[in-house]
């Protein structure tokens, strides 16, 4: 089983996405060009904006090669 990261809030999600983007050596501009998400949205999400549009979050996750998995507490 591959390692996973527990995300507890928008700030942690933003930090994880920033780390993943940098590990791929992509700029915010580059990722916005091949995803359907604007650079301003990426900036706000990486800063932990709590009101980010869910559809755009999934678009960015997909562009970074990430998947979202929900696990019931205690099942891990």
Protein backbone atom coordinates (compact mmCIF):
# COMPACT_ATOMS: atom_id res chain seq x y z
CA UNK A 1 0.00 0.00 0.00
CA UNK A 2 1.38 3.41 -0.96
CA UNK A 3 1.76 6.05 1.75
CA UNK A 4 -1.07 8.49 2.24
CA UNK A 5 -1.38 11.90 3.83
CA UNK A 6 -4.14 12.82 6.24
CA UNK A 7 -5.56 16.26 5.46
CA UNK A 8 -7.46 17.95 8.30
CA UNK A 9 -8.20 21.39 6.89
CA UNK A 10 -7.87 23.64 3.82
CA UNK A 11 -4.46 24.95 4.92
CA UNK A 12 -3.02 21.43 5.09
CA UNK A 13 -4.49 20.63 1.66
CA UNK A 14 -2.88 23.75 0.22
CA UNK A 15 0.48 22.92 1.77
CA UNK A 16 0.36 19.39 0.39
CA UNK A 17 -0.58 20.57 -3.11
CA UNK A 18 2.23 23.15 -3.03
CA UNK A 19 4.73 20.48 -1.99
CA UNK A 20 3.52 18.11 -4.72
CA UNK A 21 3.64 20.81 -7.40
CA UNK A 22 7.18 21.75 -6.43
CA UNK A 23 8.28 18.09 -6.39
CA UNK A 24 7.07 17.92 -10.01
CA UNK A 25 9.09 21.09 -10.71
CA UNK A 26 6.02 22.91 -12.01
CA UNK A 27 5.21 26.60 -11.60
CA UNK A 28 1.72 27.80 -10.80
CA UNK A 29 1.56 29.22 -14.32
CA UNK A 30 2.56 25.90 -15.90
CA UNK A 31 0.00 23.87 -14.00
CA UNK A 32 -2.72 26.41 -14.75
CA UNK A 33 -1.95 26.09 -18.46
CA UNK A 34 -2.59 22.34 -18.65
CA UNK A 35 -5.34 22.14 -16.06
CA UNK A 36 -8.62 23.98 -16.35
CA UNK A 37 -7.77 26.08 -13.28
CA UNK A 38 -6.55 29.66 -13.19
CA UNK A 39 -3.30 30.70 -11.54
CA UNK A 40 -5.15 32.90 -9.03
CA UNK A 41 -7.15 29.89 -7.87
CA UNK A 42 -3.94 27.85 -7.41
CA UNK A 43 -2.37 30.66 -5.39
CA UNK A 44 -5.42 30.91 -3.12
CA UNK A 45 -5.72 27.15 -2.69
CA UNK A 46 -2.04 26.76 -1.80
CA UNK A 47 -2.55 29.46 0.84
CA UNK A 48 -5.39 27.43 2.35
CA UNK A 49 -8.46 29.29 1.12
CA UNK A 50 -11.40 27.58 2.79
CA UNK A 51 -13.99 28.47 0.16
CA UNK A 52 -12.28 26.90 -2.86
CA UNK A 53 -14.61 25.43 -5.49
CA UNK A 54 -14.64 21.67 -5.12
CA UNK A 55 -14.72 20.96 -8.86
CA UNK A 56 -11.58 23.02 -9.38
CA UNK A 57 -9.88 21.25 -6.46
CA UNK A 58 -10.49 17.92 -8.19
CA UNK A 59 -9.21 19.31 -11.49
CA UNK A 60 -5.99 20.39 -9.79
CA UNK A 61 -5.63 17.06 -7.97
CA UNK A 62 -5.99 15.27 -11.28
CA UNK A 63 -3.43 17.53 -12.95
CA UNK A 64 -0.92 16.77 -10.19
CA UNK A 65 -1.54 13.02 -10.50
CA UNK A 66 -3.24 12.81 -7.10
CA UNK A 67 -6.40 10.99 -6.01
CA UNK A 68 -8.73 11.67 -3.12
CA UNK A 69 -9.68 8.69 -0.95
CA UNK A 70 -12.10 8.78 1.95
CA UNK A 71 -11.49 6.35 4.79
CA UNK A 72 -13.81 5.95 7.75
CA UNK A 73 -12.06 6.80 11.01
CA UNK A 74 -10.83 3.71 12.74
CA UNK A 75 -10.68 1.63 9.52
CA UNK A 76 -6.99 2.29 9.03
